Amino acid sequence: MPITLEGSCHCGTVRFTVESSTPVPYQLCLCSICRKVGGVGGSINLGAYSKTLNITQGKEQIGVYKAVMDRDTPKEHIASSERNFCTKCSSMLWLYDENWPELLHPFASVIDSPELEEPDELVVVKTNSKPDYVRFPEGKKKVYKNYGSDSIESWHKKRGKYVE
């Protein structure tokens, strides 16, 4: 049975639960969106089932940001993904994309319970977007200019970390 993740924003206004079969925070994204909305070090998202999202407090304080893709170029457009955040403290809560309506991607940084397992190896993606001043995290890691070959689900399954 999937595990229940309990999360909240920094100020405590927004609180939620969601079920996840992929709860190990192993993949750090360094794309410009994750760095600018999540902080200089990028963002780590988990996988969860969108239909299990239960906003227990603060629904009226949730805002949505749809990123500008290919900014300042002729290809500029708005992303299909929605980054949900607390409008009081700006904490990024989860990402949802209508292209994969069954999935939700909570930011690992807002999960309060259970304590998330430290991965044996970090996967660092979108380094083609990383400026020189952003340093890689310490420890064992695989680094990709774009994305690695594993989805969040397949990474968990290959390592016996997938929770049925």
Protein backbone atom coordinates (compact mmCIF):
# COMPACT_ATOMS: atom_id res chain seq x y z
CA MET A 1 0.00 0.00 0.00
CA PRO A 2 1.37 3.45 -0.89
CA ILE A 3 2.56 5.61 1.97
CA THR A 4 0.86 8.80 3.09
CA LEU A 5 2.99 11.90 2.79
CA GLU A 6 2.07 14.82 5.03
CA GLY A 7 3.24 18.23 3.88
CA SER A 8 2.96 21.90 4.70
CA CYS A 9 4.27 25.26 3.59
CA HIS A 10 6.83 27.18 5.66
CA CYS A 11 4.28 29.40 7.43
CA GLY A 12 1.92 26.48 8.13
CA THR A 13 -1.06 28.02 6.32
CA VAL A 14 -1.30 25.21 3.75
CA ARG A 15 -1.29 21.58 4.86
CA PHE A 16 -1.96 18.49 2.77
CA THR A 17 -1.65 14.73 2.51
CA VAL A 18 -1.08 12.61 -0.59
CA GLU A 19 -0.34 8.93 -1.29
CA SER A 20 3.00 7.98 -2.85
CA SER A 21 4.60 4.79 -4.15
CA THR A 22 7.79 6.70 -4.99
CA PRO A 23 8.86 8.51 -1.81
CA VAL A 24 12.67 8.58 -2.11
CA PRO A 25 13.96 12.11 -2.91
CA TYR A 26 16.69 11.04 -5.35
CA GLN A 27 16.43 13.43 -8.31
CA LEU A 28 17.61 17.05 -8.15
CA CYS A 29 16.52 19.26 -11.04
CA LEU A 30 18.73 22.25 -11.85
CA CYS A 31 16.60 23.72 -14.64
CA SER A 32 16.04 27.47 -14.52
CA ILE A 33 12.46 27.02 -13.34
CA CYS A 34 13.40 24.78 -10.41
CA ARG A 35 16.30 27.05 -9.45
CA LYS A 36 14.27 30.25 -9.62
CA VAL A 37 11.08 29.03 -7.93
CA GLY A 38 12.70 26.48 -5.63
CA GLY A 39 15.93 28.22 -4.73
CA VAL A 40 19.50 28.36 -6.04
CA GLY A 41 20.09 24.64 -5.50
CA GLY A 42 17.15 23.47 -7.59
CA SER A 43 14.23 21.25 -6.61
CA ILE A 44 13.59 17.63 -5.72
CA ASN A 45 10.15 16.30 -6.58
CA LEU A 46 8.56 13.06 -5.44
CA GLY A 47 5.86 11.12 -7.24
CA ALA A 48 2.31 10.81 -5.89
CA TYR A 49 -1.22 9.98 -7.01
CA SER A 50 -3.17 13.15 -7.80
CA LYS A 51 -6.55 11.66 -6.89
CA THR A 52 -5.32 11.13 -3.30
CA LEU A 53 -4.40 14.78 -2.70
CA ASN A 54 -6.23 16.04 0.38
CA ILE A 55 -5.74 19.70 1.22
CA THR A 56 -6.47 19.71 4.94
CA GLN A 57 -5.90 23.42 5.49
CA GLY A 58 -5.39 26.61 3.50
CA LYS A 59 -6.85 25.72 0.10
CA GLU A 60 -7.78 29.37 -0.46
CA GLN A 61 -4.10 30.36 -0.04
CA ILE A 62 -2.81 28.15 -2.87
CA GLY A 63 -1.61 29.93 -5.99
CA VAL A 64 -0.58 28.44 -9.32
CA TYR A 65 2.38 29.40 -11.47
CA LYS A 66 2.67 28.21 -15.06
CA ALA A 67 6.26 28.68 -16.17
CA VAL A 68 7.31 30.64 -19.23
CA MET A 69 9.25 28.29 -21.49
CA ASP A 70 11.95 29.44 -23.94
CA ARG A 71 11.68 32.94 -22.48
CA ASP A 72 12.72 35.84 -24.69
CA THR A 73 12.84 33.71 -27.83
CA PRO A 74 10.44 33.30 -30.77
CA LYS A 75 9.47 29.90 -29.26
CA GLU A 76 8.27 31.44 -25.95
CA HIS A 77 5.18 29.71 -24.58
CA ILE A 78 3.48 28.83 -21.30
CA ALA A 79 4.14 25.39 -19.80
CA SER A 80 1.32 22.92 -19.28
CA SER A 81 2.64 22.13 -15.80
CA GLU A 82 1.30 23.98 -12.78
CA ARG A 83 3.47 24.74 -9.78
CA ASN A 84 1.25 25.16 -6.74
CA PHE A 85 2.54 27.38 -3.96
CA CYS A 86 1.44 29.13 -0.76
CA THR A 87 0.52 32.74 -1.53
CA LYS A 88 1.49 33.82 2.01
CA CYS A 89 5.05 32.44 2.28
CA SER A 90 5.79 31.37 -1.33
CA SER A 91 6.67 27.76 -0.46
CA MET A 92 6.44 25.55 -3.53
CA LEU A 93 4.05 22.68 -2.67
CA TRP A 94 3.60 20.41 -5.70
CA LEU A 95 3.70 20.27 -9.47
CA TYR A 96 0.77 19.01 -11.54
CA ASP A 97 0.67 18.55 -15.31
CA GLU A 98 -2.53 17.89 -17.25
CA ASN A 99 -0.53 15.66 -19.63
CA TRP A 100 -0.21 13.13 -16.77
CA PRO A 101 -3.45 13.73 -14.81
CA GLU A 102 -2.98 10.69 -12.56
CA LEU A 103 0.29 12.08 -11.16
CA LEU A 104 1.25 14.82 -8.74
CA HIS A 105 4.80 15.77 -7.80
CA PRO A 106 5.15 17.16 -4.29
CA PHE A 107 8.33 19.06 -3.56
CA ALA A 108 10.39 17.01 -1.11
CA SER A 109 11.19 20.22 0.78
CA VAL A 110 7.61 20.52 2.08
CA ILE A 111 7.15 16.94 3.29
CA ASP A 112 6.94 16.85 7.09
CA SER A 113 6.15 13.19 7.62
CA PRO A 114 7.34 10.53 7.32
CA GLU A 115 11.02 11.39 7.33
CA LEU A 116 12.17 10.77 3.77
CA GLU A 117 14.83 8.17 3.07
CA GLU A 118 18.24 9.41 1.98
CA PRO A 119 19.08 7.96 -1.45
CA ASP A 120 22.33 6.02 -1.93
CA GLU A 121 22.98 8.09 -5.04
CA LEU A 122 21.56 11.40 -6.23
CA VAL A 123 20.51 11.91 -9.84
CA VAL A 124 21.16 15.48 -11.00
CA VAL A 125 19.24 16.53 -14.13
CA LYS A 126 19.07 19.54 -16.44
CA THR A 127 22.68 20.58 -15.90
CA ASN A 128 22.51 22.17 -19.37
CA SER A 129 20.62 24.95 -17.56
CA LYS A 130 22.98 25.24 -14.56
CA PRO A 131 25.03 28.42 -14.21
CA ASP A 132 28.62 28.03 -13.04
CA TYR A 133 27.95 29.44 -9.56
CA VAL A 134 25.54 26.59 -8.73
CA ARG A 135 27.56 23.81 -7.13
CA PHE A 136 26.77 20.15 -7.31
CA PRO A 137 25.81 18.51 -4.02
CA GLU A 138 28.35 16.37 -2.21
CA GLY A 139 28.26 12.59 -2.31
CA LYS A 140 27.67 9.94 -4.94
CA LYS A 141 25.70 11.18 -7.92
CA LYS A 142 24.88 10.66 -11.59
CA VAL A 143 24.78 13.85 -13.63
CA TYR A 144 22.77 14.41 -16.83
CA LYS A 145 22.71 17.39 -19.18
CA ASN A 146 19.02 16.77 -19.78
CA TYR A 147 17.14 13.88 -18.08
CA GLY A 148 18.23 10.39 -17.11
CA SER A 149 16.66 7.33 -18.71
CA ASP A 150 14.56 6.32 -15.67
CA SER A 151 11.20 7.75 -14.71
CA ILE A 152 10.61 8.33 -11.00
CA GLU A 153 8.62 5.08 -10.91
CA SER A 154 11.21 2.98 -12.77
CA TRP A 155 14.06 4.34 -10.60
CA HIS A 156 12.18 3.22 -7.48
CA LYS A 157 11.29 -0.18 -8.93
CA LYS A 158 14.88 -0.94 -10.03
CA ARG A 159 16.09 -0.31 -6.47
CA GLY A 160 13.29 -2.09 -4.62
CA LYS A 161 12.01 1.21 -3.22
CA TYR A 162 8.62 1.22 -4.97
CA VAL A 163 5.78 0.95 -2.42
CA GLU A 164 2.86 -1.12 -3.80
